[in-house]
Amino acid sequence: MTHAFISYVREDAKVVGYICEILRKNNVKYWQDIDDIDPGKRWKGTIRQAIEKGAFYVACFSTAWQAREVTYANEELTIAIDQLRLRPTDRAWFIPIKLDQCEIPDRDIGGGETLRSIQAIDLPKEGWRRGLEKLLRALGVENPDLELGEPLGSGLPPNGKLGYGRMVVERTIPPLPRIVGQIFSITNGWVARTEENHILAYMETQAPTAQLQAVNEQLGLHVFYAISADGFISTDPANPNEFFFKTHHEFPKGTRMWDIVGEQWMDLQFDMTSDLEFVAHGILGPKGFAGIFQSESVFTMPMGKLPVKMFGTFDISVDPTHNPDPKVGNRS
């Protein structure tokens, strides 16, 4: 069985956990974490031994690694470079992976070469499926099994469950006063990759009052599907994902409706339609997916149109349904 030493920083624990899950599924044994060192043993010596005995050393470089001044990963890298200098140059042992748009350290490895002289697996450029297939083949796996699919984002599987979240809303409905700070809870949902390589999110919401919840349910605004044409959930504030949602509803004369101006139930005296467009921009952070949104509902009646505008912020926790390897995580 192939054995590999995986080096990373704790900020990348989730995405490395996903990679390790792929390795395990393909019968690749890997050295898991410094936390697996038995109490009383000298960790530096144990790491050196694990690196030297490993058939491969896999360095998971990232912008998070670049930003760290002190980390176990730098010590591991120093040991690996010492070992690399002793090994034949015509046999792959040191395998660099770029988890994001990072720079590989320009460390000297002897013979006038640096780490950048070694061909890296560039996951943002190659794509996850192609990149992980290259990794598995480099590790000696003849027929890679990649049925887990391409992850949604850093540390996320191809699908996940949306945990608790909220939307803090500011709303305008002429001629009513503006409403500020209204909180809608996100109570249930999921996110998944589509066959078209888009990201689809489903959410169920709970309004702050029973009355408003009843109105939203009648208008079909308590649940919605939002789609993003992006193929990967972003962690870059300069390049957030955009999710879009659009609905159309028709309400015939006689429908029991809530009069948002008169604040009472009434029977419609005319046919009415509602059209909603919702756009959200957000990124994946340590606590989940968060960002800003805006929406406009237009109610069309014989006497004219009534626009209802909402905008605000949101944050949603994302729980992977494919749990990353629990042994990958606690690093410095």
C-alpha atoms as a PDB file:
ATOM      1  CA  MET A   1       0.000   0.000   0.000  1.00  0.00           C
ATOM      2  CA  THR A   2       1.305   3.468  -0.923  1.00  0.00           C
ATOM      3  CA  HIS A   3       2.200   5.696   2.021  1.00  0.00           C
ATOM      4  CA  ALA A   4       2.283   9.496   1.825  1.00  0.00           C
ATOM      5  CA  PHE A   5       3.097  12.264   4.279  1.00  0.00           C
ATOM      6  CA  ILE A   6       0.634  15.159   3.937  1.00  0.00           C
ATOM      7  CA  SER A   7       1.878  18.614   4.968  1.00  0.00           C
ATOM      8  CA  TYR A   8      -0.524  21.548   5.419  1.00  0.00           C
ATOM      9  CA  VAL A   9      -1.521  24.405   7.735  1.00  0.00           C
ATOM     10  CA  ARG A  10      -4.541  24.269  10.009  1.00  0.00           C
ATOM     11  CA  GLU A  11      -6.486  26.879   7.996  1.00  0.00           C
ATOM     12  CA  ASP A  12      -6.646  24.307   5.175  1.00  0.00           C
ATOM     13  CA  ALA A  13      -7.678  21.395   7.417  1.00  0.00           C
ATOM     14  CA  LYS A  14     -11.100  20.957   5.828  1.00  0.00           C
ATOM     15  CA  VAL A  15      -9.923  20.876   2.236  1.00  0.00           C
ATOM     16  CA  VAL A  16      -6.993  18.604   3.162  1.00  0.00           C
ATOM     17  CA  GLY A  17      -9.484  16.368   4.949  1.00  0.00           C
ATOM     18  CA  TYR A  18     -11.395  16.060   1.686  1.00  0.00           C
ATOM     19  CA  ILE A  19      -8.193  15.141  -0.167  1.00  0.00           C
ATOM     20  CA  CYS A  20      -7.386  12.547   2.495  1.00  0.00           C
ATOM     21  CA  GLU A  21     -10.838  11.042   2.115  1.00  0.00           C
ATOM     22  CA  ILE A  22     -10.105  10.570  -1.586  1.00  0.00           C
ATOM     23  CA  LEU A  23      -6.722   9.015  -0.730  1.00  0.00           C
ATOM     24  CA  ARG A  24      -8.281   6.600   1.748  1.00  0.00           C
ATOM     25  CA  LYS A  25     -10.929   5.560  -0.763  1.00  0.00           C
ATOM     26  CA  ASN A  26      -8.099   4.719  -3.188  1.00  0.00           C
ATOM     27  CA  ASN A  27      -6.170   2.702  -0.570  1.00  0.00           C
ATOM     28  CA  VAL A  28      -3.454   5.302  -0.115  1.00  0.00           C
ATOM     29  CA  LYS A  29      -2.182   5.344   3.462  1.00  0.00           C
ATOM     30  CA  TYR A  30      -1.153   8.743   4.776  1.00  0.00           C
ATOM     31  CA  TRP A  31       0.488  10.129   7.885  1.00  0.00           C
ATOM     32  CA  GLN A  32      -2.381  11.940   9.502  1.00  0.00           C
ATOM     33  CA  ASP A  33      -1.411  14.587  12.025  1.00  0.00           C
ATOM     34  CA  ILE A  34       0.935  15.637  14.762  1.00  0.00           C
ATOM     35  CA  ASP A  35      -1.881  14.831  17.211  1.00  0.00           C
ATOM     36  CA  ASP A  36      -1.320  11.127  16.462  1.00  0.00           C
ATOM     37  CA  ILE A  37       2.131  11.206  18.065  1.00  0.00           C
ATOM     38  CA  ASP A  38       2.060   9.250  21.313  1.00  0.00           C
ATOM     39  CA  PRO A  39       2.469  11.316  24.505  1.00  0.00           C
ATOM     40  CA  GLY A  40       6.095  11.550  25.605  1.00  0.00           C
ATOM     41  CA  LYS A  41       7.599  11.086  22.152  1.00  0.00           C
ATOM     42  CA  ARG A  42       9.655  13.861  20.589  1.00  0.00           C
ATOM     43  CA  TRP A  43       7.455  15.203  17.815  1.00  0.00           C
ATOM     44  CA  LYS A  44      10.305  16.487  15.619  1.00  0.00           C
ATOM     45  CA  GLY A  45      12.002  13.096  15.523  1.00  0.00           C
ATOM     46  CA  THR A  46       8.706  11.339  14.878  1.00  0.00           C
ATOM     47  CA  ILE A  47       7.870  13.684  12.004  1.00  0.00           C
ATOM     48  CA  ARG A  48      11.341  13.239  10.503  1.00  0.00           C
ATOM     49  CA  GLN A  49      10.936   9.474  10.661  1.00  0.00           C
ATOM     50  CA  ALA A  50       7.449   9.647   9.075  1.00  0.00           C
ATOM     51  CA  ILE A  51       8.733  11.850   6.237  1.00  0.00           C
ATOM     52  CA  GLU A  52      11.825   9.725   5.584  1.00  0.00           C
ATOM     53  CA  LYS A  53       9.848   6.472   5.524  1.00  0.00           C
ATOM     54  CA  GLY A  54       7.050   7.836   3.389  1.00  0.00           C
ATOM     55  CA  ALA A  55       6.932   6.748  -0.254  1.00  0.00           C
ATOM     56  CA  PHE A  56       5.842  10.329  -1.046  1.00  0.00           C
ATOM     57  CA  TYR A  57       5.764  13.765   0.541  1.00  0.00           C
ATOM     58  CA  VAL A  58       2.726  15.861  -0.459  1.00  0.00           C
ATOM     59  CA  ALA A  59       2.940  19.584   0.329  1.00  0.00           C
ATOM     60  CA  CYS A  60      -0.421  21.390   0.224  1.00  0.00           C
ATOM     61  CA  PHE A  61       0.620  24.988  -0.407  1.00  0.00           C
ATOM     62  CA  SER A  62      -1.859  27.844  -0.039  1.00  0.00           C
ATOM     63  CA  THR A  63      -2.127  31.547   0.641  1.00  0.00           C
ATOM     64  CA  ALA A  64      -2.844  30.581   4.271  1.00  0.00           C
ATOM     65  CA  TRP A  65       0.528  28.787   4.412  1.00  0.00           C
ATOM     66  CA  GLN A  66       2.217  31.832   2.863  1.00  0.00           C
ATOM     67  CA  ALA A  67       0.706  34.101   5.517  1.00  0.00           C
ATOM     68  CA  ARG A  68       1.892  31.994   8.470  1.00  0.00           C
ATOM     69  CA  GLU A  69       5.181  32.992  10.110  1.00  0.00           C
ATOM     70  CA  VAL A  70       5.262  30.068  12.528  1.00  0.00           C
ATOM     71  CA  THR A  71       3.814  26.654  11.660  1.00  0.00           C
ATOM     72  CA  TYR A  72       4.658  22.962  11.931  1.00  0.00           C
ATOM     73  CA  ALA A  73       4.361  22.830   8.149  1.00  0.00           C
ATOM     74  CA  ASN A  74       7.545  24.910   7.730  1.00  0.00           C
ATOM     75  CA  GLU A  75       9.466  22.475   9.929  1.00  0.00           C
ATOM     76  CA  GLU A  76       8.088  19.574   7.893  1.00  0.00           C
ATOM     77  CA  LEU A  77       9.078  21.333   4.682  1.00  0.00           C
ATOM     78  CA  THR A  78      12.658  21.834   5.903  1.00  0.00           C
ATOM     79  CA  ILE A  79      12.949  18.135   6.771  1.00  0.00           C
ATOM     80  CA  ALA A  80      11.437  17.169   3.408  1.00  0.00           C
ATOM     81  CA  ILE A  81      13.917  19.337   1.468  1.00  0.00           C
ATOM     82  CA  ASP A  82      16.811  17.691   3.337  1.00  0.00           C
ATOM     83  CA  GLN A  83      15.398  14.303   2.378  1.00  0.00           C
ATOM     84  CA  LEU A  84      14.728  15.380  -1.221  1.00  0.00           C
ATOM     85  CA  ARG A  85      18.394  16.240  -1.727  1.00  0.00           C
ATOM     86  CA  LEU A  86      19.327  12.657  -0.866  1.00  0.00           C
ATOM     87  CA  ARG A  87      16.912  11.064  -3.323  1.00  0.00           C
ATOM     88  CA  PRO A  88      17.312  10.360  -7.069  1.00  0.00           C
ATOM     89  CA  THR A  89      16.215  13.247  -9.266  1.00  0.00           C
ATOM     90  CA  ASP A  90      14.512  10.936 -11.789  1.00  0.00           C
ATOM     91  CA  ARG A  91      12.014   9.546  -9.273  1.00  0.00           C
ATOM     92  CA  ALA A  92       9.020  11.546  -8.024  1.00  0.00           C
ATOM     93  CA  TRP A  93       8.870  11.832  -4.243  1.00  0.00           C
ATOM     94  CA  PHE A  94       8.083  15.466  -3.433  1.00  0.00           C
ATOM     95  CA  ILE A  95       4.620  16.357  -4.819  1.00  0.00           C
ATOM     96  CA  PRO A  96       3.573  20.029  -4.477  1.00  0.00           C
ATOM     97  CA  ILE A  97      -0.114  20.950  -4.634  1.00  0.00           C
ATOM     98  CA  LYS A  98      -1.469  24.473  -5.002  1.00  0.00           C
ATOM     99  CA  LEU A  99      -4.784  24.620  -3.140  1.00  0.00           C
ATOM    100  CA  ASP A 100      -5.458  28.169  -4.324  1.00  0.00           C
ATOM    101  CA  GLN A 101      -3.795  31.066  -6.143  1.00  0.00           C
ATOM    102  CA  CYS A 102      -0.642  30.917  -4.050  1.00  0.00           C
ATOM    103  CA  GLU A 103       3.073  31.016  -4.747  1.00  0.00           C
ATOM    104  CA  ILE A 104       5.243  27.977  -4.078  1.00  0.00           C
ATOM    105  CA  PRO A 105       8.200  28.893  -1.827  1.00  0.00           C
ATOM    106  CA  ASP A 106      11.406  29.566  -3.755  1.00  0.00           C
ATOM    107  CA  ARG A 107      13.430  27.281  -1.473  1.00  0.00           C
ATOM    108  CA  ASP A 108      16.771  25.911  -2.656  1.00  0.00           C
ATOM    109  CA  ILE A 109      16.792  22.128  -3.160  1.00  0.00           C
ATOM    110  CA  GLY A 110      20.315  21.835  -4.529  1.00  0.00           C
ATOM    111  CA  GLY A 111      21.741  21.403  -8.008  1.00  0.00           C
ATOM    112  CA  GLY A 112      20.789  24.940  -8.927  1.00  0.00           C
ATOM    113  CA  GLU A 113      17.085  24.158  -8.543  1.00  0.00           C
ATOM    114  CA  THR A 114      14.334  25.355  -6.193  1.00  0.00           C
ATOM    115  CA  LEU A 115      10.973  23.952  -5.144  1.00  0.00           C
ATOM    116  CA  ARG A 116       9.471  25.837  -8.081  1.00  0.00           C
ATOM    117  CA  SER A 117      11.464  23.565 -10.394  1.00  0.00           C
ATOM    118  CA  ILE A 118       9.204  20.667  -9.386  1.00  0.00           C
ATOM    119  CA  GLN A 119       6.008  20.339 -11.412  1.00  0.00           C
ATOM    120  CA  ALA A 120       3.078  21.184  -9.125  1.00  0.00           C
ATOM    121  CA  ILE A 121      -0.564  20.139  -9.244  1.00  0.00           C
ATOM    122  CA  ASP A 122      -2.411  23.424  -9.649  1.00  0.00           C
ATOM    123  CA  LEU A 123      -5.953  22.694  -8.413  1.00  0.00           C
ATOM    124  CA  PRO A 124      -7.471  26.107  -9.353  1.00  0.00           C
ATOM    125  CA  LYS A 125      -6.077  25.727 -12.877  1.00  0.00           C
ATOM    126  CA  GLU A 126      -6.505  21.983 -13.366  1.00  0.00           C
ATOM    127  CA  GLY A 127      -9.851  21.646 -11.630  1.00  0.00           C
ATOM    128  CA  TRP A 128     -10.400  19.271  -8.712  1.00  0.00           C
ATOM    129  CA  ARG A 129     -11.248  16.133 -10.651  1.00  0.00           C
ATOM    130  CA  ARG A 130      -8.291  16.393 -13.025  1.00  0.00           C
ATOM    131  CA  GLY A 131      -5.953  17.581 -10.272  1.00  0.00           C
ATOM    132  CA  LEU A 132      -6.837  14.786  -7.853  1.00  0.00           C
ATOM    133  CA  GLU A 133      -6.586  12.237 -10.641  1.00  0.00           C
ATOM    134  CA  LYS A 134      -3.029  13.477 -11.319  1.00  0.00           C
ATOM    135  CA  LEU A 135      -2.224  13.217  -7.615  1.00  0.00           C
ATOM    136  CA  LEU A 136      -3.517   9.659  -7.352  1.00  0.00           C
ATOM    137  CA  ARG A 137      -1.622   8.549 -10.451  1.00  0.00           C
ATOM    138  CA  ALA A 138       1.553  10.181  -9.108  1.00  0.00           C
ATOM    139  CA  LEU A 139       1.009   8.156  -5.918  1.00  0.00           C
ATOM    140  CA  GLY A 140       0.841   4.971  -7.960  1.00  0.00           C
ATOM    141  CA  VAL A 141      -2.937   4.489  -8.204  1.00  0.00           C
ATOM    142  CA  GLU A 142      -3.584   2.984 -11.638  1.00  0.00           C
ATOM    143  CA  ASN A 143      -7.366   3.413 -11.717  1.00  0.00           C
ATOM    144  CA  PRO A 144      -8.311   6.426  -9.560  1.00  0.00           C
ATOM    145  CA  ASP A 145     -11.767   6.378  -7.976  1.00  0.00           C
ATOM    146  CA  LEU A 146     -13.138   9.929  -7.894  1.00  0.00           C
ATOM    147  CA  GLU A 147     -16.803   9.159  -7.351  1.00  0.00           C
ATOM    148  CA  LEU A 148     -16.970  11.629  -4.456  1.00  0.00           C
ATOM    149  CA  GLY A 149     -17.114  14.374  -7.066  1.00  0.00           C
ATOM    150  CA  GLU A 150     -15.689  17.873  -7.224  1.00  0.00           C
ATOM    151  CA  PRO A 151     -16.089  19.855  -3.980  1.00  0.00           C
ATOM    152  CA  LEU A 152     -18.257  22.958  -3.821  1.00  0.00           C
ATOM    153  CA  GLY A 153     -15.486  24.985  -2.249  1.00  0.00           C
ATOM    154  CA  SER A 154     -12.546  24.892   0.097  1.00  0.00           C
ATOM    155  CA  GLY A 155     -13.208  22.113   2.585  1.00  0.00           C
ATOM    156  CA  LEU A 156     -16.669  21.319   1.200  1.00  0.00           C
ATOM    157  CA  PRO A 157     -17.873  18.130  -0.508  1.00  0.00           C
ATOM    158  CA  PRO A 158     -20.015  18.156  -3.699  1.00  0.00           C
ATOM    159  CA  ASN A 159     -23.076  18.746  -1.523  1.00  0.00           C
ATOM    160  CA  GLY A 160     -23.819  19.957   1.959  1.00  0.00           C
ATOM    161  CA  LYS A 161     -26.523  20.842   4.445  1.00  0.00           C
ATOM    162  CA  LEU A 162     -27.262  24.425   5.339  1.00  0.00           C
ATOM    163  CA  GLY A 163     -27.387  24.881   9.073  1.00  0.00           C
ATOM    164  CA  TYR A 164     -28.707  27.839  11.008  1.00  0.00           C
ATOM    165  CA  GLY A 165     -28.537  31.222   9.338  1.00  0.00           C
ATOM    166  CA  ARG A 166     -30.201  34.585   9.273  1.00  0.00           C
ATOM    167  CA  MET A 167     -31.014  37.511   7.033  1.00  0.00           C
ATOM    168  CA  VAL A 168     -30.991  41.009   8.495  1.00  0.00           C
ATOM    169  CA  VAL A 169     -33.426  42.965   6.345  1.00  0.00           C
ATOM    170  CA  GLU A 170     -34.221  46.566   5.517  1.00  0.00           C
ATOM    171  CA  ARG A 171     -37.522  46.872   3.652  1.00  0.00           C
ATOM    172  CA  THR A 172     -39.373  49.641   1.839  1.00  0.00           C
ATOM    173  CA  ILE A 173     -43.044  49.439   0.849  1.00  0.00           C
ATOM    174  CA  PRO A 174     -44.442  52.778  -0.327  1.00  0.00           C
ATOM    175  CA  PRO A 175     -46.180  54.544   1.350  1.00  0.00           C
ATOM    176  CA  LEU A 176     -45.282  52.737   4.610  1.00  0.00           C
ATOM    177  CA  PRO A 177     -42.304  53.755   6.772  1.00  0.00           C
ATOM    178  CA  ARG A 178     -39.039  51.965   6.083  1.00  0.00           C
ATOM    179  CA  ILE A 179     -38.460  48.881   8.251  1.00  0.00           C
ATOM    180  CA  VAL A 180     -34.863  48.394   9.446  1.00  0.00           C
ATOM    181  CA  GLY A 181     -33.195  45.447  11.203  1.00  0.00           C
ATOM    182  CA  GLN A 182     -35.883  42.821  10.681  1.00  0.00           C
ATOM    183  CA  ILE A 183     -34.384  39.347  11.159  1.00  0.00           C
ATOM    184  CA  PHE A 184     -35.473  36.330   9.122  1.00  0.00           C
ATOM    185  CA  SER A 185     -34.104  32.940  10.208  1.00  0.00           C
ATOM    186  CA  ILE A 186     -32.841  30.370   7.731  1.00  0.00           C
ATOM    187  CA  THR A 187     -34.096  27.139   9.265  1.00  0.00           C
ATOM    188  CA  ASN A 188     -33.281  24.451   6.726  1.00  0.00           C
ATOM    189  CA  GLY A 189     -31.690  23.900   3.355  1.00  0.00           C
ATOM    190  CA  TRP A 190     -28.981  22.327   1.279  1.00  0.00           C
ATOM    191  CA  VAL A 191     -26.433  23.208  -1.373  1.00  0.00           C
ATOM    192  CA  ALA A 192     -25.255  20.992  -4.243  1.00  0.00           C
ATOM    193  CA  ARG A 193     -23.413  20.977  -7.535  1.00  0.00           C
ATOM    194  CA  THR A 194     -25.589  20.498 -10.626  1.00  0.00           C
ATOM    195  CA  GLU A 195     -24.780  18.461 -13.712  1.00  0.00           C
ATOM    196  CA  GLU A 196     -24.152  21.775 -15.492  1.00  0.00           C
ATOM    197  CA  ASN A 197     -21.432  22.529 -12.897  1.00  0.00           C
ATOM    198  CA  HIS A 198     -23.519  25.281 -11.316  1.00  0.00           C
ATOM    199  CA  ILE A 199     -24.160  25.654  -7.591  1.00  0.00           C
ATOM    200  CA  LEU A 200     -27.760  25.294  -6.443  1.00  0.00           C
ATOM    201  CA  ALA A 201     -28.914  26.313  -2.963  1.00  0.00           C
ATOM    202  CA  TYR A 202     -32.301  25.581  -1.397  1.00  0.00           C
ATOM    203  CA  MET A 203     -33.413  27.503   1.686  1.00  0.00           C
ATOM    204  CA  GLU A 204     -36.406  27.642   4.015  1.00  0.00           C
ATOM    205  CA  THR A 205     -36.939  30.844   6.005  1.00  0.00           C
ATOM    206  CA  GLN A 206     -38.893  31.861   9.090  1.00  0.00           C
ATOM    207  CA  ALA A 207     -40.182  35.427   9.431  1.00  0.00           C
ATOM    208  CA  PRO A 208     -39.960  37.256  12.777  1.00  0.00           C
ATOM    209  CA  THR A 209     -43.767  37.196  13.220  1.00  0.00           C
ATOM    210  CA  ALA A 210     -46.422  34.599  12.498  1.00  0.00           C
ATOM    211  CA  GLN A 211     -48.362  37.125  10.448  1.00  0.00           C
ATOM    212  CA  LEU A 212     -45.433  37.905   8.186  1.00  0.00           C
ATOM    213  CA  GLN A 213     -44.648  34.207   7.863  1.00  0.00           C
ATOM    214  CA  ALA A 214     -48.204  33.553   6.676  1.00  0.00           C
ATOM    215  CA  VAL A 215     -47.863  36.308   4.071  1.00  0.00           C
ATOM    216  CA  ASN A 216     -44.521  34.933   2.841  1.00  0.00           C
ATOM    217  CA  GLU A 217     -45.951  31.445   2.569  1.00  0.00           C
ATOM    218  CA  GLN A 218     -48.892  32.729   0.550  1.00  0.00           C
ATOM    219  CA  LEU A 219     -46.535  34.617  -1.777  1.00  0.00           C
ATOM    220  CA  GLY A 220     -44.179  31.637  -2.052  1.00  0.00           C
ATOM    221  CA  LEU A 221     -41.343  33.581  -0.433  1.00  0.00           C
ATOM    222  CA  HIS A 222     -40.672  31.270   2.510  1.00  0.00           C
ATOM    223  CA  VAL A 223     -38.724  28.794   0.372  1.00  0.00           C
ATOM    224  CA  PHE A 224     -36.557  29.428  -2.640  1.00  0.00           C
ATOM    225  CA  TYR A 225     -33.901  27.997  -4.905  1.00  0.00           C
ATOM    226  CA  ALA A 226     -30.941  30.229  -5.722  1.00  0.00           C
ATOM    227  CA  ILE A 227     -28.525  29.353  -8.517  1.00  0.00           C
ATOM    228  CA  SER A 228     -24.960  30.477  -9.158  1.00  0.00           C
ATOM    229  CA  ALA A 229     -23.179  30.052 -12.480  1.00  0.00           C
ATOM    230  CA  ASP A 230     -19.873  29.933 -10.597  1.00  0.00           C
ATOM    231  CA  GLY A 231     -18.315  26.508 -10.423  1.00  0.00           C
ATOM    232  CA  PHE A 232     -16.652  26.981  -7.041  1.00  0.00           C
ATOM    233  CA  ILE A 233     -17.683  28.734  -3.826  1.00  0.00           C
ATOM    234  CA  SER A 234     -15.356  31.687  -3.388  1.00  0.00           C
ATOM    235  CA  THR A 235     -13.311  32.612  -0.326  1.00  0.00           C
ATOM    236  CA  ASP A 236     -12.006  35.805  -1.957  1.00  0.00           C
ATOM    237  CA  PRO A 237     -13.756  39.036  -0.852  1.00  0.00           C
ATOM    238  CA  ALA A 238     -12.722  40.640  -4.145  1.00  0.00           C
ATOM    239  CA  ASN A 239     -14.515  37.917  -6.130  1.00  0.00           C
ATOM    240  CA  PRO A 240     -17.718  36.898  -4.330  1.00  0.00           C
ATOM    241  CA  ASN A 241     -20.203  34.422  -5.739  1.00  0.00           C
ATOM    242  CA  GLU A 242     -23.469  35.674  -7.188  1.00  0.00           C
ATOM    243  CA  PHE A 243     -26.683  33.727  -6.542  1.00  0.00           C
ATOM    244  CA  PHE A 244     -29.896  34.550  -8.397  1.00  0.00           C
ATOM    245  CA  PHE A 245     -33.531  33.695  -7.709  1.00  0.00           C
ATOM    246  CA  LYS A 246     -36.626  34.715  -9.695  1.00  0.00           C
ATOM    247  CA  THR A 247     -40.311  33.840  -9.254  1.00  0.00           C
ATOM    248  CA  HIS A 248     -43.696  34.731 -10.748  1.00  0.00           C
ATOM    249  CA  HIS A 249     -47.064  34.154  -9.039  1.00  0.00           C
ATOM    250  CA  GLU A 250     -50.642  34.846 -10.131  1.00  0.00           C
ATOM    251  CA  PHE A 251     -53.478  35.570  -7.698  1.00  0.00           C
ATOM    252  CA  PRO A 252     -56.994  35.560  -9.172  1.00  0.00           C
ATOM    253  CA  LYS A 253     -59.822  37.776  -7.954  1.00  0.00           C
ATOM    254  CA  GLY A 254     -61.309  36.542  -4.670  1.00  0.00           C
ATOM    255  CA  THR A 255     -58.015  35.236  -3.269  1.00  0.00           C
ATOM    256  CA  ARG A 256     -57.727  35.831   0.460  1.00  0.00           C
ATOM    257  CA  MET A 257     -54.713  38.139   0.914  1.00  0.00           C
ATOM    258  CA  TRP A 258     -53.081  40.241   3.587  1.00  0.00           C
ATOM    259  CA  ASP A 259     -53.362  43.957   2.929  1.00  0.00           C
ATOM    260  CA  ILE A 260     -49.852  45.221   3.744  1.00  0.00           C
ATOM    261  CA  VAL A 261     -51.033  48.841   3.713  1.00  0.00           C
ATOM    262  CA  GLY A 262     -54.293  48.397   5.670  1.00  0.00           C
ATOM    263  CA  GLU A 263     -52.796  45.587   7.793  1.00  0.00           C
ATOM    264  CA  GLN A 264     -55.799  43.303   7.571  1.00  0.00           C
ATOM    265  CA  TRP A 265     -57.009  40.284   5.634  1.00  0.00           C
ATOM    266  CA  MET A 266     -59.104  40.963   2.549  1.00  0.00           C
ATOM    267  CA  ASP A 267     -60.490  39.275  -0.540  1.00  0.00           C
ATOM    268  CA  LEU A 268     -58.846  40.506  -3.728  1.00  0.00           C
ATOM    269  CA  GLN A 269     -61.225  42.569  -5.828  1.00  0.00           C
ATOM    270  CA  PHE A 270     -59.069  42.089  -8.938  1.00  0.00           C
ATOM    271  CA  ASP A 271     -56.508  39.785 -10.494  1.00  0.00           C
ATOM    272  CA  MET A 272     -52.930  40.385  -9.267  1.00  0.00           C
ATOM    273  CA  THR A 273     -49.469  39.087 -10.139  1.00  0.00           C
ATOM    274  CA  SER A 274     -46.196  39.241  -8.230  1.00  0.00           C
ATOM    275  CA  ASP A 275     -42.694  39.067  -9.672  1.00  0.00           C
ATOM    276  CA  LEU A 276     -39.622  38.714  -7.501  1.00  0.00           C
ATOM    277  CA  GLU A 277     -35.930  39.027  -8.385  1.00  0.00           C
ATOM    278  CA  PHE A 278     -33.390  38.207  -5.690  1.00  0.00           C
ATOM    279  CA  VAL A 279     -29.597  38.605  -5.993  1.00  0.00           C
ATOM    280  CA  ALA A 280     -27.045  37.725  -3.320  1.00  0.00           C
ATOM    281  CA  HIS A 281     -23.271  38.120  -3.260  1.00  0.00           C
ATOM    282  CA  GLY A 282     -21.195  36.253  -0.710  1.00  0.00           C
ATOM    283  CA  ILE A 283     -18.066  34.308   0.168  1.00  0.00           C
ATOM    284  CA  LEU A 284     -17.215  31.298   2.299  1.00  0.00           C
ATOM    285  CA  GLY A 285     -15.502  32.228   5.570  1.00  0.00           C
ATOM    286  CA  PRO A 286     -14.563  30.466   8.824  1.00  0.00           C
ATOM    287  CA  LYS A 287     -18.153  30.654  10.121  1.00  0.00           C
ATOM    288  CA  GLY A 288     -19.967  29.850   6.882  1.00  0.00           C
ATOM    289  CA  PHE A 289     -21.271  31.593   3.782  1.00  0.00           C
ATOM    290  CA  ALA A 290     -22.002  35.295   4.290  1.00  0.00           C
ATOM    291  CA  GLY A 291     -22.596  38.439   2.274  1.00  0.00           C
ATOM    292  CA  ILE A 292     -25.186  40.934   1.092  1.00  0.00           C
ATOM    293  CA  PHE A 293     -28.435  40.642  -0.849  1.00  0.00           C
ATOM    294  CA  GLN A 294     -31.106  42.739  -2.477  1.00  0.00           C
ATOM    295  CA  SER A 295     -34.511  41.898  -3.867  1.00  0.00           C
ATOM    296  CA  GLU A 296     -37.461  43.602  -5.490  1.00  0.00           C
ATOM    297  CA  SER A 297     -41.010  42.287  -5.634  1.00  0.00           C
ATOM    298  CA  VAL A 298     -43.421  44.015  -7.990  1.00  0.00           C
ATOM    299  CA  PHE A 299     -47.146  43.502  -7.434  1.00  0.00           C
ATOM    300  CA  THR A 300     -49.110  44.323 -10.575  1.00  0.00           C
ATOM    301  CA  MET A 301     -52.765  45.359 -10.202  1.00  0.00           C
ATOM    302  CA  PRO A 302     -55.257  47.162 -12.443  1.00  0.00           C
ATOM    303  CA  MET A 303     -54.497  50.457 -10.705  1.00  0.00           C
ATOM    304  CA  GLY A 304     -50.737  50.127 -11.146  1.00  0.00           C
ATOM    305  CA  LYS A 305     -47.642  48.510  -9.691  1.00  0.00           C
ATOM    306  CA  LEU A 306     -46.535  48.303  -6.059  1.00  0.00           C
ATOM    307  CA  PRO A 307     -42.760  47.747  -5.612  1.00  0.00           C
ATOM    308  CA  VAL A 308     -41.440  46.156  -2.434  1.00  0.00           C
ATOM    309  CA  LYS A 309     -37.669  46.424  -2.019  1.00  0.00           C
ATOM    310  CA  MET A 310     -35.529  44.579   0.485  1.00  0.00           C
ATOM    311  CA  PHE A 311     -31.805  44.497   1.056  1.00  0.00           C
ATOM    312  CA  GLY A 312     -29.470  43.533   3.841  1.00  0.00           C
ATOM    313  CA  THR A 313     -26.914  40.981   5.014  1.00  0.00           C
ATOM    314  CA  PHE A 314     -26.966  37.229   5.512  1.00  0.00           C
ATOM    315  CA  ASP A 315     -24.862  34.488   7.081  1.00  0.00           C
ATOM    316  CA  ILE A 316     -25.407  30.740   6.833  1.00  0.00           C
ATOM    317  CA  SER A 317     -23.491  27.836   8.336  1.00  0.00           C
ATOM    318  CA  VAL A 318     -22.645  25.026   5.917  1.00  0.00           C
ATOM    319  CA  ASP A 319     -22.392  21.483   7.259  1.00  0.00           C
ATOM    320  CA  PRO A 320     -20.793  18.996   4.859  1.00  0.00           C
ATOM    321  CA  THR A 321     -22.745  15.785   4.318  1.00  0.00           C
ATOM    322  CA  HIS A 322     -19.412  14.238   3.369  1.00  0.00           C
ATOM    323  CA  ASN A 323     -17.508  14.762   6.619  1.00  0.00           C
ATOM    324  CA  PRO A 324     -13.783  15.467   6.156  1.00  0.00           C
ATOM    325  CA  ASP A 325     -11.326  13.163   7.879  1.00  0.00           C
ATOM    326  CA  PRO A 326     -11.728  13.931  11.602  1.00  0.00           C
ATOM    327  CA  LYS A 327      -8.043  13.191  12.174  1.00  0.00           C
ATOM    328  CA  VAL A 328      -6.952  16.118  10.031  1.00  0.00           C
ATOM    329  CA  GLY A 329      -7.292  19.395  11.812  1.00  0.00           C
ATOM    330  CA  ASN A 330      -5.535  20.557  14.936  1.00  0.00           C
ATOM    331  CA  ARG A 331      -2.324  22.154  13.724  1.00  0.00           C
ATOM    332  CA  SER A 332      -0.343  25.284  14.501  1.00  0.00           C
END
